[in-house]
Structure formats: C-alpha cells, structure tokens
C-alpha cells in the first residue's frame, strides 16, 4: 500500500513538472510572438494621391520592415484635426498605428519602432513637422555622391496638446 501511494505521488509530481514545462514553453512562444508583433509595426498611412515624397517615405517604411496600408485622400486637414494634430506639428502625410498613435510626417522607421514598442503613457504620437531635407522620403543628392541633410528633431506629441523632443537626428546616418 505504501509503495502504491509513493508511486502515485511520484507520478503526480512528474506530471506537474511536465505540465509546468509545457506552460513555460507556451508562455515563451506567446512572448516571442508578441515581440515579433511589436517589432513589426503596422500603420494606415493617409496621403494625397500626387505626393511623391509620401511615396518615398512609404518605400523607406517597406525597406525597414514596417507594414502599412496606404489610403489616398484629396485633403488631410479634417483627418489631422480629428486626431488632434495641431497645425504647427503637421506635415504631408499621417500614419495611424493599430494602437491609435499618430505618426505625422517623415518620421524614420527606427524611431517609429522604438516608440510603438514602448509609448509613453501620455503620448498622442510622433511628428516631424515640415519636411526636413534628408529625412526619409526627402533625400536630395548633394552632387558629390552623398545626400543633403538638415538636422531635425522628432517630436513626441502629447494628449494635452504639448510636445517635447523625442529623438534628435543630427546627421543622415542617425536615421537608420
């Protein structure tokens, strides 16, 4: 009888160990899948049909592994207003992440990924106001086998309407 109880306890213990191992593998797989999803941001990008720099920026996103759906609109003003993007932060195109964050203008893909992997609690999104020369989609050949570049900052847009510097781009290579 004692032998049977001991054997039953040993088998029960072994089953629990095996089940906890399966649970650990399952949670590790879930964690890896979540990481893959986070590392592969997805945007819906709104732009006008004739915007050439918007298409170049979309090429930059595609080459950098950011997935997107592009939608052409004749005007973006109402969309930007609806998403609380103040006029001083606007640019030529607007991306909306699956989580509802705005990506306004020529924001580098690496910065989009960094932001979407860990957005601040009070964030509305990111913006590169205007269209800085040398930002993704705004590349201009300098005539000497290089690209003209104007240093710029990526702004963190906050839900209260304010902003702060999220990341600085001091040179062309800092964007990649």
Protein backbone atom coordinates (compact mmCIF):
# COMPACT_ATOMS: atom_id res chain seq x y z
CA UNK A 1 0.00 0.00 0.00
CA UNK A 2 2.81 2.43 0.93
CA UNK A 3 4.58 1.60 -2.29
CA UNK A 4 1.41 2.41 -4.30
CA UNK A 5 0.92 5.77 -2.51
CA UNK A 6 4.59 6.67 -3.04
CA UNK A 7 4.40 5.69 -6.72
CA UNK A 8 1.19 7.71 -7.16
CA UNK A 9 2.79 10.76 -5.55
CA UNK A 10 5.90 10.39 -7.70
CA UNK A 11 3.82 10.10 -10.88
CA UNK A 12 1.70 13.12 -9.85
CA UNK A 13 4.86 15.13 -9.21
CA UNK A 14 6.29 14.13 -12.59
CA UNK A 15 3.07 15.15 -14.35
CA UNK A 16 3.14 18.56 -12.62
CA UNK A 17 6.76 19.09 -13.66
CA UNK A 18 5.95 18.18 -17.27
CA UNK A 19 2.87 20.41 -17.32
CA UNK A 20 4.77 23.38 -15.90
CA UNK A 21 7.42 22.87 -18.60
CA UNK A 22 4.73 22.92 -21.29
CA UNK A 23 3.21 26.03 -19.77
CA UNK A 24 6.64 27.72 -19.73
CA UNK A 25 7.27 26.81 -23.39
CA UNK A 26 3.80 28.08 -24.28
CA UNK A 27 4.33 31.40 -22.49
CA UNK A 28 7.77 31.75 -24.10
CA UNK A 29 6.20 31.17 -27.53
CA UNK A 30 3.48 33.73 -26.75
CA UNK A 31 6.12 36.17 -25.60
CA UNK A 32 8.14 35.62 -28.79
CA UNK A 33 5.02 36.16 -30.92
CA UNK A 34 4.18 39.36 -29.02
CA UNK A 35 7.76 40.55 -29.55
CA UNK A 36 7.51 39.84 -33.28
CA UNK A 37 4.25 41.78 -33.45
CA UNK A 38 5.75 44.70 -31.54
CA UNK A 39 8.90 44.68 -33.67
CA UNK A 40 6.80 44.76 -36.86
CA UNK A 41 4.72 47.90 -36.56
CA UNK A 42 1.73 48.40 -38.81
CA UNK A 43 0.31 51.73 -39.93
CA UNK A 44 -2.54 53.06 -42.00
CA UNK A 45 -0.98 55.97 -43.90
CA UNK A 46 -3.13 58.76 -45.27
CA UNK A 47 -1.70 60.91 -48.06
CA UNK A 48 -2.72 62.79 -51.17
CA UNK A 49 -2.52 60.87 -54.48
CA UNK A 50 0.12 63.15 -56.03
CA UNK A 51 2.59 63.32 -53.13
CA UNK A 52 5.95 61.98 -54.35
CA UNK A 53 7.79 62.35 -51.03
CA UNK A 54 5.00 60.41 -49.30
CA UNK A 55 5.62 57.51 -51.68
CA UNK A 56 9.37 57.69 -51.00
CA UNK A 57 8.65 57.61 -47.24
CA UNK A 58 6.45 54.55 -47.78
CA UNK A 59 9.38 52.92 -49.64
CA UNK A 60 11.55 53.67 -46.57
CA UNK A 61 8.97 52.00 -44.31
CA UNK A 62 8.74 48.93 -46.55
CA UNK A 63 12.53 48.57 -46.71
CA UNK A 64 12.67 48.87 -42.91
CA UNK A 65 10.05 46.20 -42.22
CA UNK A 66 7.18 48.49 -41.23
CA UNK A 67 3.95 47.23 -42.74
CA UNK A 68 1.34 49.69 -43.89
CA UNK A 69 -1.81 50.26 -45.83
CA UNK A 70 -1.81 53.45 -47.87
CA UNK A 71 -5.00 55.45 -48.38
CA UNK A 72 -5.28 58.44 -50.69
CA UNK A 73 -7.46 61.36 -49.67
CA UNK A 74 -7.99 64.63 -51.54
CA UNK A 75 -7.48 66.56 -48.27
CA UNK A 76 -5.96 65.53 -44.95
CA UNK A 77 -6.95 68.57 -42.89
CA UNK A 78 -10.04 67.02 -41.28
CA UNK A 79 -8.21 63.74 -40.53
CA UNK A 80 -5.44 65.67 -38.78
CA UNK A 81 -7.98 67.72 -36.82
CA UNK A 82 -9.90 64.56 -35.86
CA UNK A 83 -6.65 63.06 -34.49
CA UNK A 84 -5.75 66.22 -32.54
CA UNK A 85 -2.66 67.07 -34.58
CA UNK A 86 -2.16 70.82 -34.12
CA UNK A 87 -1.30 72.76 -37.30
CA UNK A 88 2.25 73.53 -36.10
CA UNK A 89 3.02 69.76 -35.98
CA UNK A 90 1.57 68.85 -39.38
CA UNK A 91 3.33 67.54 -42.45
CA UNK A 92 2.31 66.00 -45.76
CA UNK A 93 1.12 62.55 -44.57
CA UNK A 94 -0.30 60.98 -41.44
CA UNK A 95 0.11 57.42 -40.22
CA UNK A 96 -2.16 55.88 -37.62
CA UNK A 97 -0.88 52.82 -35.77
CA UNK A 98 -3.07 49.85 -34.89
CA UNK A 99 -2.97 51.20 -31.31
CA UNK A 100 -4.27 54.62 -32.41
CA UNK A 101 -0.99 56.56 -32.19
CA UNK A 102 -0.30 59.19 -34.86
CA UNK A 103 2.90 59.25 -36.90
CA UNK A 104 2.98 62.65 -38.59
CA UNK A 105 5.42 63.36 -41.39
CA UNK A 106 8.82 61.94 -42.26
CA UNK A 107 9.50 60.01 -39.03
CA UNK A 108 12.25 57.40 -39.50
CA UNK A 109 11.16 53.75 -39.29
CA UNK A 110 13.63 53.02 -36.48
CA UNK A 111 12.03 55.78 -34.40
CA UNK A 112 8.52 54.52 -35.14
CA UNK A 113 9.55 51.05 -33.97
CA UNK A 114 11.18 52.40 -30.79
CA UNK A 115 8.10 54.48 -29.97
CA UNK A 116 5.50 51.78 -30.66
CA UNK A 117 7.44 49.23 -28.60
CA UNK A 118 7.25 51.50 -25.55
CA UNK A 119 4.96 54.51 -25.93
CA UNK A 120 4.84 56.97 -23.02
CA UNK A 121 1.53 56.94 -21.12
CA UNK A 122 0.51 60.45 -22.21
CA UNK A 123 1.52 60.08 -25.87
CA UNK A 124 -0.58 61.02 -28.86
CA UNK A 125 2.22 60.07 -31.25
CA UNK A 126 5.27 61.40 -33.08
CA UNK A 127 5.81 64.24 -35.53
CA UNK A 128 8.46 65.58 -37.83
CA UNK A 129 6.89 68.92 -38.71
CA UNK A 130 7.50 70.34 -42.18
CA UNK A 131 9.62 68.26 -44.49
CA UNK A 132 13.31 68.42 -43.49
CA UNK A 133 15.80 67.85 -46.33
CA UNK A 134 17.44 64.45 -45.95
CA UNK A 135 14.73 62.92 -43.76
CA UNK A 136 13.31 59.60 -45.06
CA UNK A 137 11.46 60.42 -48.26
CA UNK A 138 13.09 63.84 -48.57
CA UNK A 139 16.51 62.72 -49.79
CA UNK A 140 18.26 65.11 -52.17
CA UNK A 141 21.57 64.28 -53.87
CA UNK A 142 24.30 66.73 -52.89
CA UNK A 143 26.13 66.29 -56.22
CA UNK A 144 29.10 64.59 -54.52
CA UNK A 145 27.78 61.03 -54.10
CA UNK A 146 26.01 61.97 -50.88
CA UNK A 147 22.72 63.27 -49.57
CA UNK A 148 21.98 66.81 -48.45
CA UNK A 149 20.86 66.79 -44.85
CA UNK A 150 19.30 69.29 -42.48
CA UNK A 151 19.43 68.20 -38.79
CA UNK A 152 15.96 67.86 -37.27
CA UNK A 153 14.11 66.54 -34.26
CA UNK A 154 11.29 64.05 -33.92
CA UNK A 155 8.73 65.42 -31.51
CA UNK A 156 6.68 63.44 -29.02
CA UNK A 157 3.12 64.73 -29.28
CA UNK A 158 1.22 64.54 -26.02
CA UNK A 159 -2.52 64.15 -25.48
CA UNK A 160 -2.68 67.55 -23.75
CA UNK A 161 -1.51 69.28 -26.97
CA UNK A 162 2.07 69.88 -25.86
CA UNK A 163 5.22 68.33 -27.30
CA UNK A 164 8.81 67.59 -26.40
CA UNK A 165 11.86 66.33 -28.24
CA UNK A 166 11.65 62.56 -28.57
CA UNK A 167 14.78 61.99 -30.65
CA UNK A 168 17.31 64.19 -32.46
CA UNK A 169 18.64 63.45 -35.93
CA UNK A 170 21.99 65.28 -36.10
CA UNK A 171 23.16 63.60 -39.33
CA UNK A 172 21.90 61.44 -42.15
CA UNK A 173 23.13 58.11 -40.72
CA UNK A 174 21.41 58.73 -37.36
CA UNK A 175 18.08 57.91 -39.02
CA UNK A 176 18.93 54.25 -39.65
